Amino acid sequence: MSDAPKSAWELALEKLQKQDRERGEAGPAALSPGQKKSIAEVRARFQARLAEAEILHRSNQAKAAGDAEALQKLEEEFQIDRRRIEDQLEREVAKARGGGRGAKKK
C-alpha cells in the first residue's frame, strides 16, 4: 500500500465496509457470465422499448403541434410510460441478478 493519505471518501467506504462485516452482511455477489448475458439482453430489450416509446411520442407531438393542452397531456403520458418501462427494466434486472435465468424472454 502507498503511504499517501486517504481521502474522506475512502475512509468513509472503509468504515461502512467494516460495519457491514460486523453485522455479517456480505457485499454484492459477483455475477456469473450467464447472469451478465441475461442482464445485457434485458437492458437491450428495454432500451428498444424506450426508443419505440420515444419515437411514438415525437410522432404524437408533431400531430398535436399548436395545441398546448394536447402537448401537455402527451408529455405527461410519455413520462408515465417511461417510468413504467424503467420500473419493469429494474424488476427484470433484479430477477436476472437473483436467479440467473429469471428474466423472461418475449
PDB file of N, CA and C in Angstrom:
ATOM      1  N   MET A   1       0.839  -1.178   0.000  1.00  0.00           N
ATOM      2  CA  MET A   1       0.000   0.000   0.000  1.00  0.00           C
ATOM      3  C   MET A   1       0.879   1.234   0.000  1.00  0.00           C
ATOM      4  N   SER A   2       0.314   2.288  -0.557  1.00  0.00           N
ATOM      5  CA  SER A   2       1.086   3.520  -0.593  1.00  0.00           C
ATOM      6  C   SER A   2       0.931   4.265   0.734  1.00  0.00           C
ATOM      7  N   ASP A   3       1.857   5.169   0.962  1.00  0.00           N
ATOM      8  CA  ASP A   3       1.827   5.956   2.188  1.00  0.00           C
ATOM      9  C   ASP A   3       1.008   7.230   2.026  1.00  0.00           C
ATOM     10  N   ALA A   4       0.372   7.413   0.866  1.00  0.00           N
ATOM     11  CA  ALA A   4      -0.409   8.616   0.630  1.00  0.00           C
ATOM     12  C   ALA A   4      -1.631   8.623   1.545  1.00  0.00           C
ATOM     13  N   PRO A   5      -1.992   9.777   2.033  1.00  0.00           N
ATOM     14  CA  PRO A   5      -3.178   9.846   2.898  1.00  0.00           C
ATOM     15  C   PRO A   5      -4.441   9.490   2.111  1.00  0.00           C
ATOM     16  N   LYS A   6      -5.386   8.920   2.837  1.00  0.00           N
ATOM     17  CA  LYS A   6      -6.633   8.510   2.203  1.00  0.00           C
ATOM     18  C   LYS A   6      -7.611   9.678   2.176  1.00  0.00           C
ATOM     19  N   SER A   7      -8.436   9.670   1.144  1.00  0.00           N
ATOM     20  CA  SER A   7      -9.449  10.717   1.035  1.00  0.00           C
ATOM     21  C   SER A   7     -10.583  10.424   2.010  1.00  0.00           C
ATOM     22  N   ALA A   8     -11.417  11.411   2.234  1.00  0.00           N
ATOM     23  CA  ALA A   8     -12.569  11.243   3.120  1.00  0.00           C
ATOM     24  C   ALA A   8     -13.491  10.152   2.577  1.00  0.00           C
ATOM     25  N   TRP A   9     -13.618  10.088   1.252  1.00  0.00           N
ATOM     26  CA  TRP A   9     -14.465   9.071   0.619  1.00  0.00           C
ATOM     27  C   TRP A   9     -13.922   7.674   0.922  1.00  0.00           C
ATOM     28  N   GLU A  10     -12.614   7.484   0.777  1.00  0.00           N
ATOM     29  CA  GLU A  10     -12.010   6.170   1.059  1.00  0.00           C
ATOM     30  C   GLU A  10     -12.181   5.778   2.522  1.00  0.00           C
ATOM     31  N   LEU A  11     -12.005   6.733   3.419  1.00  0.00           N
ATOM     32  CA  LEU A  11     -12.178   6.456   4.847  1.00  0.00           C
ATOM     33  C   LEU A  11     -13.627   6.077   5.164  1.00  0.00           C
ATOM     34  N   ALA A  12     -14.563   6.798   4.574  1.00  0.00           N
ATOM     35  CA  ALA A  12     -15.977   6.503   4.810  1.00  0.00           C
ATOM     36  C   ALA A  12     -16.336   5.131   4.254  1.00  0.00           C
ATOM     37  N   LEU A  13     -15.818   4.798   3.075  1.00  0.00           N
ATOM     38  CA  LEU A  13     -16.079   3.494   2.468  1.00  0.00           C
ATOM     39  C   LEU A  13     -15.530   2.371   3.345  1.00  0.00           C
ATOM     40  N   GLU A  14     -14.331   2.535   3.845  1.00  0.00           N
ATOM     41  CA  GLU A  14     -13.752   1.524   4.732  1.00  0.00           C
ATOM     42  C   GLU A  14     -14.589   1.357   5.997  1.00  0.00           C
ATOM     43  N   LYS A  15     -15.056   2.465   6.547  1.00  0.00           N
ATOM     44  CA  LYS A  15     -15.877   2.409   7.763  1.00  0.00           C
ATOM     45  C   LYS A  15     -17.184   1.663   7.493  1.00  0.00           C
ATOM     46  N   LEU A  16     -17.827   1.952   6.374  1.00  0.00           N
ATOM     47  CA  LEU A  16     -19.067   1.262   6.029  1.00  0.00           C
ATOM     48  C   LEU A  16     -18.839  -0.229   5.792  1.00  0.00           C
ATOM     49  N   GLN A  17     -17.739  -0.573   5.128  1.00  0.00           N
ATOM     50  CA  GLN A  17     -17.427  -1.987   4.896  1.00  0.00           C
ATOM     51  C   GLN A  17     -17.180  -2.703   6.219  1.00  0.00           C
ATOM     52  N   LYS A  18     -16.499  -2.042   7.137  1.00  0.00           N
ATOM     53  CA  LYS A  18     -16.245  -2.626   8.451  1.00  0.00           C
ATOM     54  C   LYS A  18     -17.566  -2.859   9.184  1.00  0.00           C
ATOM     55  N   GLN A  19     -18.472  -1.883   9.133  1.00  0.00           N
ATOM     56  CA  GLN A  19     -19.781  -2.032   9.782  1.00  0.00           C
ATOM     57  C   GLN A  19     -20.556  -3.198   9.161  1.00  0.00           C
ATOM     58  N   ASP A  20     -20.487  -3.322   7.849  1.00  0.00           N
ATOM     59  CA  ASP A  20     -21.175  -4.434   7.177  1.00  0.00           C
ATOM     60  C   ASP A  20     -20.614  -5.774   7.646  1.00  0.00           C
ATOM     61  N   ARG A  21     -19.287  -5.876   7.741  1.00  0.00           N
ATOM     62  CA  ARG A  21     -18.669  -7.133   8.198  1.00  0.00           C
ATOM     63  C   ARG A  21     -19.084  -7.460   9.620  1.00  0.00           C
ATOM     64  N   GLU A  22     -19.138  -6.437  10.471  1.00  0.00           N
ATOM     65  CA  GLU A  22     -19.527  -6.642  11.867  1.00  0.00           C
ATOM     66  C   GLU A  22     -20.963  -7.136  11.988  1.00  0.00           C
ATOM     67  N   ARG A  23     -21.823  -6.690  11.084  1.00  0.00           N
ATOM     68  CA  ARG A  23     -23.221  -7.118  11.096  1.00  0.00           C
ATOM     69  C   ARG A  23     -23.424  -8.433  10.341  1.00  0.00           C
ATOM     70  N   GLY A  24     -22.377  -8.918   9.705  1.00  0.00           N
ATOM     71  CA  GLY A  24     -22.475 -10.169   8.963  1.00  0.00           C
ATOM     72  C   GLY A  24     -23.071 -10.019   7.574  1.00  0.00           C
ATOM     73  N   GLU A  25     -23.092  -8.809   7.078  1.00  0.00           N
ATOM     74  CA  GLU A  25     -23.622  -8.565   5.746  1.00  0.00           C
ATOM     75  C   GLU A  25     -22.496  -8.679   4.728  1.00  0.00           C
ATOM     76  N   ALA A  26     -22.807  -9.351   3.658  1.00  0.00           N
ATOM     77  CA  ALA A  26     -21.820  -9.502   2.591  1.00  0.00           C
ATOM     78  C   ALA A  26     -22.085  -8.465   1.519  1.00  0.00           C
ATOM     79  N   GLY A  27     -21.078  -8.143   0.771  1.00  0.00           N
ATOM     80  CA  GLY A  27     -21.228  -7.235  -0.351  1.00  0.00           C
ATOM     81  C   GLY A  27     -21.953  -7.949  -1.478  1.00  0.00           C
ATOM     82  N   PRO A  28     -22.225  -7.248  -2.550  1.00  0.00           N
ATOM     83  CA  PRO A  28     -22.915  -7.877  -3.664  1.00  0.00           C
ATOM     84  C   PRO A  28     -22.065  -8.999  -4.263  1.00  0.00           C
ATOM     85  N   ALA A  29     -22.733 -10.099  -4.561  1.00  0.00           N
ATOM     86  CA  ALA A  29     -22.029 -11.244  -5.129  1.00  0.00           C
ATOM     87  C   ALA A  29     -21.650 -10.941  -6.578  1.00  0.00           C
ATOM     88  N   ALA A  30     -20.568 -11.532  -7.006  1.00  0.00           N
ATOM     89  CA  ALA A  30     -20.144 -11.370  -8.387  1.00  0.00           C
ATOM     90  C   ALA A  30     -21.154 -12.067  -9.292  1.00  0.00           C
ATOM     91  N   LEU A  31     -21.390 -11.487 -10.442  1.00  0.00           N
ATOM     92  CA  LEU A  31     -22.351 -12.054 -11.375  1.00  0.00           C
ATOM     93  C   LEU A  31     -21.682 -13.124 -12.229  1.00  0.00           C
ATOM     94  N   SER A  32     -22.433 -14.165 -12.510  1.00  0.00           N
ATOM     95  CA  SER A  32     -21.930 -15.216 -13.383  1.00  0.00           C
ATOM     96  C   SER A  32     -22.020 -14.725 -14.828  1.00  0.00           C
ATOM     97  N   PRO A  33     -21.293 -15.374 -15.729  1.00  0.00           N
ATOM     98  CA  PRO A  33     -21.403 -14.981 -17.143  1.00  0.00           C
ATOM     99  C   PRO A  33     -22.838 -15.094 -17.665  1.00  0.00           C
ATOM    100  N   GLY A  34     -23.582 -16.093 -17.207  1.00  0.00           N
ATOM    101  CA  GLY A  34     -24.972 -16.244 -17.627  1.00  0.00           C
ATOM    102  C   GLY A  34     -25.840 -15.095 -17.147  1.00  0.00           C
ATOM    103  N   GLN A  35     -25.595 -14.658 -15.909  1.00  0.00           N
ATOM    104  CA  GLN A  35     -26.347 -13.529 -15.367  1.00  0.00           C
ATOM    105  C   GLN A  35     -26.020 -12.248 -16.128  1.00  0.00           C
ATOM    106  N   LYS A  36     -24.738 -12.053 -16.420  1.00  0.00           N
ATOM    107  CA  LYS A  36     -24.334 -10.871 -17.177  1.00  0.00           C
ATOM    108  C   LYS A  36     -24.996 -10.859 -18.549  1.00  0.00           C
ATOM    109  N   LYS A  37     -25.048 -12.023 -19.196  1.00  0.00           N
ATOM    110  CA  LYS A  37     -25.671 -12.123 -20.514  1.00  0.00           C
ATOM    111  C   LYS A  37     -27.169 -11.830 -20.413  1.00  0.00           C
ATOM    112  N   SER A  38     -27.832 -12.386 -19.401  1.00  0.00           N
ATOM    113  CA  SER A  38     -29.269 -12.142 -19.213  1.00  0.00           C
ATOM    114  C   SER A  38     -29.546 -10.670 -18.979  1.00  0.00           C
ATOM    115  N   ILE A  39     -28.735 -10.044 -18.148  1.00  0.00           N
ATOM    116  CA  ILE A  39     -28.914  -8.626 -17.848  1.00  0.00           C
ATOM    117  C   ILE A  39     -28.713  -7.789 -19.111  1.00  0.00           C
ATOM    118  N   ALA A  40     -27.698  -8.124 -19.901  1.00  0.00           N
ATOM    119  CA  ALA A  40     -27.454  -7.385 -21.142  1.00  0.00           C
ATOM    120  C   ALA A  40     -28.627  -7.541 -22.107  1.00  0.00           C
ATOM    121  N   GLU A  41     -29.198  -8.747 -22.194  1.00  0.00           N
ATOM    122  CA  GLU A  41     -30.351  -8.972 -23.066  1.00  0.00           C
ATOM    123  C   GLU A  41     -31.560  -8.167 -22.583  1.00  0.00           C
ATOM    124  N   VAL A  42     -31.779  -8.160 -21.277  1.00  0.00           N
ATOM    125  CA  VAL A  42     -32.901  -7.415 -20.708  1.00  0.00           C
ATOM    126  C   VAL A  42     -32.724  -5.929 -20.995  1.00  0.00           C
ATOM    127  N   ARG A  43     -31.532  -5.415 -20.753  1.00  0.00           N
ATOM    128  CA  ARG A  43     -31.286  -3.990 -20.983  1.00  0.00           C
ATOM    129  C   ARG A  43     -31.483  -3.630 -22.460  1.00  0.00           C
ATOM    130  N   ALA A  44     -31.017  -4.477 -23.359  1.00  0.00           N
ATOM    131  CA  ALA A  44     -31.176  -4.216 -24.792  1.00  0.00           C
ATOM    132  C   ALA A  44     -32.659  -4.209 -25.175  1.00  0.00           C
ATOM    133  N   ARG A  45     -33.419  -5.158 -24.641  1.00  0.00           N
ATOM    134  CA  ARG A  45     -34.848  -5.241 -24.946  1.00  0.00           C
ATOM    135  C   ARG A  45     -35.574  -3.989 -24.458  1.00  0.00           C
ATOM    136  N   PHE A  46     -35.256  -3.557 -23.247  1.00  0.00           N
ATOM    137  CA  PHE A  46     -35.941  -2.390 -22.704  1.00  0.00           C
ATOM    138  C   PHE A  46     -35.445  -1.093 -23.328  1.00  0.00           C
ATOM    139  N   GLN A  47     -34.206  -1.061 -23.764  1.00  0.00           N
ATOM    140  CA  GLN A  47     -33.713   0.111 -24.480  1.00  0.00           C
ATOM    141  C   GLN A  47     -34.491   0.271 -25.790  1.00  0.00           C
ATOM    142  N   ALA A  48     -34.786  -0.847 -26.441  1.00  0.00           N
ATOM    143  CA  ALA A  48     -35.580  -0.803 -27.667  1.00  0.00           C
ATOM    144  C   ALA A  48     -37.007  -0.329 -27.370  1.00  0.00           C
ATOM    145  N   ARG A  49     -37.575  -0.791 -26.262  1.00  0.00           N
ATOM    146  CA  ARG A  49     -38.926  -0.355 -25.889  1.00  0.00           C
ATOM    147  C   ARG A  49     -38.958   1.142 -25.602  1.00  0.00           C
ATOM    148  N   LEU A  50     -37.922   1.648 -24.929  1.00  0.00           N
ATOM    149  CA  LEU A  50     -37.856   3.086 -24.662  1.00  0.00           C
ATOM    150  C   LEU A  50     -37.722   3.879 -25.959  1.00  0.00           C
ATOM    151  N   ALA A  51     -36.912   3.385 -26.875  1.00  0.00           N
ATOM    152  CA  ALA A  51     -36.732   4.063 -28.156  1.00  0.00           C
ATOM    153  C   ALA A  51     -38.054   4.082 -28.930  1.00  0.00           C
ATOM    154  N   GLU A  52     -38.771   2.974 -28.899  1.00  0.00           N
ATOM    155  CA  GLU A  52     -40.069   2.895 -29.579  1.00  0.00           C
ATOM    156  C   GLU A  52     -41.051   3.904 -28.968  1.00  0.00           C
ATOM    157  N   ALA A  53     -41.091   3.976 -27.648  1.00  0.00           N
ATOM    158  CA  ALA A  53     -41.986   4.915 -26.972  1.00  0.00           C
ATOM    159  C   ALA A  53     -41.616   6.356 -27.311  1.00  0.00           C
ATOM    160  N   GLU A  54     -40.322   6.631 -27.407  1.00  0.00           N
ATOM    161  CA  GLU A  54     -39.875   7.975 -27.732  1.00  0.00           C
ATOM    162  C   GLU A  54     -40.253   8.366 -29.155  1.00  0.00           C
ATOM    163  N   ILE A  55     -40.104   7.424 -30.082  1.00  0.00           N
ATOM    164  CA  ILE A  55     -40.475   7.691 -31.476  1.00  0.00           C
ATOM    165  C   ILE A  55     -41.974   7.962 -31.575  1.00  0.00           C
ATOM    166  N   LEU A  56     -42.760   7.147 -30.906  1.00  0.00           N
ATOM    167  CA  LEU A  56     -44.209   7.342 -30.905  1.00  0.00           C
ATOM    168  C   LEU A  56     -44.569   8.691 -30.286  1.00  0.00           C
ATOM    169  N   HIS A  57     -43.886   9.040 -29.212  1.00  0.00           N
ATOM    170  CA  HIS A  57     -44.130  10.321 -28.540  1.00  0.00           C
ATOM    171  C   HIS A  57     -43.847  11.488 -29.483  1.00  0.00           C
ATOM    172  N   ARG A  58     -42.731  11.433 -30.162  1.00  0.00           N
ATOM    173  CA  ARG A  58     -42.380  12.521 -31.091  1.00  0.00           C
ATOM    174  C   ARG A  58     -43.392  12.620 -32.232  1.00  0.00           C
ATOM    175  N   SER A  59     -43.844  11.479 -32.704  1.00  0.00           N
ATOM    176  CA  SER A  59     -44.845  11.464 -33.761  1.00  0.00           C
ATOM    177  C   SER A  59     -46.143  12.108 -33.278  1.00  0.00           C
ATOM    178  N   ASN A  60     -46.551  11.753 -32.069  1.00  0.00           N
ATOM    179  CA  ASN A  60     -47.769  12.334 -31.499  1.00  0.00           C
ATOM    180  C   ASN A  60     -47.610  13.826 -31.253  1.00  0.00           C
ATOM    181  N   GLN A  61     -46.413  14.249 -30.869  1.00  0.00           N
ATOM    182  CA  GLN A  61     -46.163  15.678 -30.663  1.00  0.00           C
ATOM    183  C   GLN A  61     -46.326  16.439 -31.978  1.00  0.00           C
ATOM    184  N   ALA A  62     -45.811  15.856 -33.055  1.00  0.00           N
ATOM    185  CA  ALA A  62     -45.915  16.516 -34.358  1.00  0.00           C
ATOM    186  C   ALA A  62     -47.377  16.659 -34.776  1.00  0.00           C
ATOM    187  N   LYS A  63     -48.177  15.638 -34.483  1.00  0.00           N
ATOM    188  CA  LYS A  63     -49.601  15.679 -34.841  1.00  0.00           C
ATOM    189  C   LYS A  63     -50.346  16.724 -34.012  1.00  0.00           C
ATOM    190  N   ALA A  64     -49.918  16.922 -32.766  1.00  0.00           N
ATOM    191  CA  ALA A  64     -50.621  17.834 -31.863  1.00  0.00           C
ATOM    192  C   ALA A  64     -49.992  19.228 -31.829  1.00  0.00           C
ATOM    193  N   ALA A  65     -49.098  19.496 -32.741  1.00  0.00           N
ATOM    194  CA  ALA A  65     -48.403  20.789 -32.746  1.00  0.00           C
ATOM    195  C   ALA A  65     -49.414  21.932 -32.757  1.00  0.00           C
ATOM    196  N   GLY A  66     -49.190  22.885 -31.896  1.00  0.00           N
ATOM    197  CA  GLY A  66     -50.059  24.045 -31.830  1.00  0.00           C
ATOM    198  C   GLY A  66     -51.118  23.936 -30.747  1.00  0.00           C
ATOM    199  N   ASP A  67     -51.391  22.746 -30.257  1.00  0.00           N
ATOM    200  CA  ASP A  67     -52.387  22.550 -29.204  1.00  0.00           C
ATOM    201  C   ASP A  67     -51.645  22.323 -27.889  1.00  0.00           C
ATOM    202  N   ALA A  68     -51.508  23.390 -27.114  1.00  0.00           N
ATOM    203  CA  ALA A  68     -50.708  23.334 -25.888  1.00  0.00           C
ATOM    204  C   ALA A  68     -51.252  22.322 -24.887  1.00  0.00           C
ATOM    205  N   GLU A  69     -52.563  22.242 -24.778  1.00  0.00           N
ATOM    206  CA  GLU A  69     -53.174  21.313 -23.831  1.00  0.00           C
ATOM    207  C   GLU A  69     -52.890  19.860 -24.229  1.00  0.00           C
ATOM    208  N   ALA A  70     -53.011  19.570 -25.508  1.00  0.00           N
ATOM    209  CA  ALA A  70     -52.744  18.212 -26.002  1.00  0.00           C
ATOM    210  C   ALA A  70     -51.268  17.865 -25.830  1.00  0.00           C
ATOM    211  N   LEU A  71     -50.393  18.826 -26.091  1.00  0.00           N
ATOM    212  CA  LEU A  71     -48.958  18.581 -25.923  1.00  0.00           C
ATOM    213  C   LEU A  71     -48.621  18.296 -24.469  1.00  0.00           C
ATOM    214  N   GLN A  72     -49.241  19.029 -23.556  1.00  0.00           N
ATOM    215  CA  GLN A  72     -49.004  18.809 -22.127  1.00  0.00           C
ATOM    216  C   GLN A  72     -49.461  17.406 -21.725  1.00  0.00           C
ATOM    217  N   LYS A  73     -50.632  17.009 -22.200  1.00  0.00           N
ATOM    218  CA  LYS A  73     -51.160  15.680 -21.884  1.00  0.00           C
ATOM    219  C   LYS A  73     -50.252  14.589 -22.461  1.00  0.00           C
ATOM    220  N   LEU A  74     -49.790  14.782 -23.692  1.00  0.00           N
ATOM    221  CA  LEU A  74     -48.877  13.810 -24.306  1.00  0.00           C
ATOM    222  C   LEU A  74     -47.585  13.680 -23.502  1.00  0.00           C
ATOM    223  N   GLU A  75     -47.071  14.814 -23.035  1.00  0.00           N
ATOM    224  CA  GLU A  75     -45.829  14.793 -22.250  1.00  0.00           C
ATOM    225  C   GLU A  75     -46.027  14.033 -20.941  1.00  0.00           C
ATOM    226  N   GLU A  76     -47.142  14.272 -20.280  1.00  0.00           N
ATOM    227  CA  GLU A  76     -47.428  13.568 -19.031  1.00  0.00           C
ATOM    228  C   GLU A  76     -47.552  12.060 -19.268  1.00  0.00           C
ATOM    229  N   GLU A  77     -48.259  11.680 -20.331  1.00  0.00           N
ATOM    230  CA  GLU A  77     -48.419  10.259 -20.650  1.00  0.00           C
ATOM    231  C   GLU A  77     -47.078   9.614 -20.975  1.00  0.00           C
ATOM    232  N   PHE A  78     -46.238  10.357 -21.710  1.00  0.00           N
ATOM    233  CA  PHE A  78     -44.923   9.817 -22.057  1.00  0.00           C
ATOM    234  C   PHE A  78     -44.083   9.591 -20.804  1.00  0.00           C
ATOM    235  N   GLN A  79     -44.118  10.541 -19.874  1.00  0.00           N
ATOM    236  CA  GLN A  79     -43.340  10.390 -18.640  1.00  0.00           C
ATOM    237  C   GLN A  79     -43.842   9.198 -17.826  1.00  0.00           C
ATOM    238  N   ILE A  80     -45.138   8.977 -17.794  1.00  0.00           N
ATOM    239  CA  ILE A  80     -45.699   7.818 -17.092  1.00  0.00           C
ATOM    240  C   ILE A  80     -45.233   6.532 -17.761  1.00  0.00           C
ATOM    241  N   ASP A  81     -45.315   6.487 -19.106  1.00  0.00           N
ATOM    242  CA  ASP A  81     -44.866   5.293 -19.838  1.00  0.00           C
ATOM    243  C   ASP A  81     -43.384   5.030 -19.608  1.00  0.00           C
ATOM    244  N   ARG A  82     -42.610   6.092 -19.642  1.00  0.00           N
ATOM    245  CA  ARG A  82     -41.159   5.955 -19.451  1.00  0.00           C
ATOM    246  C   ARG A  82     -40.842   5.387 -18.065  1.00  0.00           C
ATOM    247  N   ARG A  83     -41.494   5.916 -17.039  1.00  0.00           N
ATOM    248  CA  ARG A  83     -41.271   5.404 -15.678  1.00  0.00           C
ATOM    249  C   ARG A  83     -41.691   3.943 -15.563  1.00  0.00           C
ATOM    250  N   ARG A  84     -42.808   3.600 -16.208  1.00  0.00           N
ATOM    251  CA  ARG A  84     -43.290   2.221 -16.166  1.00  0.00           C
ATOM    252  C   ARG A  84     -42.282   1.279 -16.819  1.00  0.00           C
ATOM    253  N   ILE A  85     -41.767   1.674 -17.972  1.00  0.00           N
ATOM    254  CA  ILE A  85     -40.780   0.851 -18.678  1.00  0.00           C
ATOM    255  C   ILE A  85     -39.502   0.729 -17.848  1.00  0.00           C
ATOM    256  N   GLU A  86     -39.055   1.828 -17.259  1.00  0.00           N
ATOM    257  CA  GLU A  86     -37.842   1.786 -16.434  1.00  0.00           C
ATOM    258  C   GLU A  86     -38.038   0.920 -15.192  1.00  0.00           C
ATOM    259  N   ASP A  87     -39.232   0.977 -14.598  1.00  0.00           N
ATOM    260  CA  ASP A  87     -39.525   0.121 -13.445  1.00  0.00           C
ATOM    261  C   ASP A  87     -39.517  -1.353 -13.841  1.00  0.00           C
ATOM    262  N   GLN A  88     -40.094  -1.652 -14.990  1.00  0.00           N
ATOM    263  CA  GLN A  88     -40.085  -3.034 -15.481  1.00  0.00           C
ATOM    264  C   GLN A  88     -38.659  -3.500 -15.736  1.00  0.00           C
ATOM    265  N   LEU A  89     -37.846  -2.617 -16.292  1.00  0.00           N
ATOM    266  CA  LEU A  89     -36.442  -2.938 -16.531  1.00  0.00           C
ATOM    267  C   LEU A  89     -35.748  -3.306 -15.229  1.00  0.00           C
ATOM    268  N   GLU A  90     -35.935  -2.480 -14.209  1.00  0.00           N
ATOM    269  CA  GLU A  90     -35.276  -2.745 -12.924  1.00  0.00           C
ATOM    270  C   GLU A  90     -35.743  -4.067 -12.319  1.00  0.00           C
ATOM    271  N   ARG A  91     -37.031  -4.382 -12.441  1.00  0.00           N
ATOM    272  CA  ARG A  91     -37.529  -5.660 -11.917  1.00  0.00           C
ATOM    273  C   ARG A  91     -36.912  -6.838 -12.668  1.00  0.00           C
ATOM    274  N   GLU A  92     -36.825  -6.730 -13.990  1.00  0.00           N
ATOM    275  CA  GLU A  92     -36.242  -7.806 -14.795  1.00  0.00           C
ATOM    276  C   GLU A  92     -34.751  -7.987 -14.487  1.00  0.00           C
ATOM    277  N   VAL A  93     -34.034  -6.868 -14.314  1.00  0.00           N
ATOM    278  CA  VAL A  93     -32.607  -6.951 -13.980  1.00  0.00           C
ATOM    279  C   VAL A  93     -32.439  -7.597 -12.607  1.00  0.00           C
ATOM    280  N   ALA A  94     -33.288  -7.221 -11.657  1.00  0.00           N
ATOM    281  CA  ALA A  94     -33.218  -7.822 -10.324  1.00  0.00           C
ATOM    282  C   ALA A  94     -33.471  -9.324 -10.395  1.00  0.00           C
ATOM    283  N   LYS A  95     -34.425  -9.729 -11.217  1.00  0.00           N
ATOM    284  CA  LYS A  95     -34.694 -11.166 -11.400  1.00  0.00           C
ATOM    285  C   LYS A  95     -33.468 -11.866 -11.983  1.00  0.00           C
ATOM    286  N   ALA A  96     -32.873 -11.238 -12.983  1.00  0.00           N
ATOM    287  CA  ALA A  96     -31.704 -11.836 -13.632  1.00  0.00           C
ATOM    288  C   ALA A  96     -30.532 -11.929 -12.655  1.00  0.00           C
ATOM    289  N   ARG A  97     -30.383 -10.945 -11.794  1.00  0.00           N
ATOM    290  CA  ARG A  97     -29.314 -10.984 -10.789  1.00  0.00           C
ATOM    291  C   ARG A  97     -29.558 -12.086  -9.774  1.00  0.00           C
ATOM    292  N   GLY A  98     -30.804 -12.232  -9.354  1.00  0.00           N
ATOM    293  CA  GLY A  98     -31.134 -13.184  -8.305  1.00  0.00           C
ATOM    294  C   GLY A  98     -31.170 -14.622  -8.771  1.00  0.00           C
ATOM    295  N   GLY A  99     -31.773 -14.855  -9.917  1.00  0.00           N
ATOM    296  CA  GLY A  99     -31.985 -16.235 -10.323  1.00  0.00           C
ATOM    297  C   GLY A  99     -31.146 -16.680 -11.501  1.00  0.00           C
ATOM    298  N   GLY A 100     -30.359 -15.791 -12.033  1.00  0.00           N
ATOM    299  CA  GLY A 100     -29.531 -16.183 -13.165  1.00  0.00           C
ATOM    300  C   GLY A 100     -30.322 -16.245 -14.449  1.00  0.00           C
ATOM    301  N   ARG A 101     -31.399 -17.060 -14.456  1.00  0.00           N
ATOM    302  CA  ARG A 101     -32.188 -17.179 -15.668  1.00  0.00           C
ATOM    303  C   ARG A 101     -33.621 -16.734 -15.417  1.00  0.00           C
ATOM    304  N   GLY A 102     -33.801 -15.825 -14.457  1.00  0.00           N
ATOM    305  CA  GLY A 102     -35.136 -15.388 -14.097  1.00  0.00           C
ATOM    306  C   GLY A 102     -35.753 -14.386 -15.056  1.00  0.00           C
ATOM    307  N   ALA A 103     -34.965 -13.833 -15.949  1.00  0.00           N
ATOM    308  CA  ALA A 103     -35.511 -12.853 -16.877  1.00  0.00           C
ATOM    309  C   ALA A 103     -36.339 -13.562 -17.924  1.00  0.00           C
ATOM    310  N   LYS A 104     -37.514 -13.023 -18.188  1.00  0.00           N
ATOM    311  CA  LYS A 104     -38.417 -13.629 -19.168  1.00  0.00           C
ATOM    312  C   LYS A 104     -38.017 -13.199 -20.562  1.00  0.00           C
ATOM    313  N   LYS A 105     -38.167 -14.080 -21.494  1.00  0.00           N
ATOM    314  CA  LYS A 105     -37.943 -13.759 -22.889  1.00  0.00           C
ATOM    315  C   LYS A 105     -39.304 -13.559 -23.527  1.00  0.00           C
ATOM    316  N   LYS A 106     -39.434 -12.519 -24.337  1.00  0.00           N
ATOM    317  CA  LYS A 106     -40.704 -12.255 -25.002  1.00  0.00           C
ATOM    318  C   LYS A 106     -40.521 -12.319 -26.482  1.00  0.00           C
TER     319      LYS A 106
END
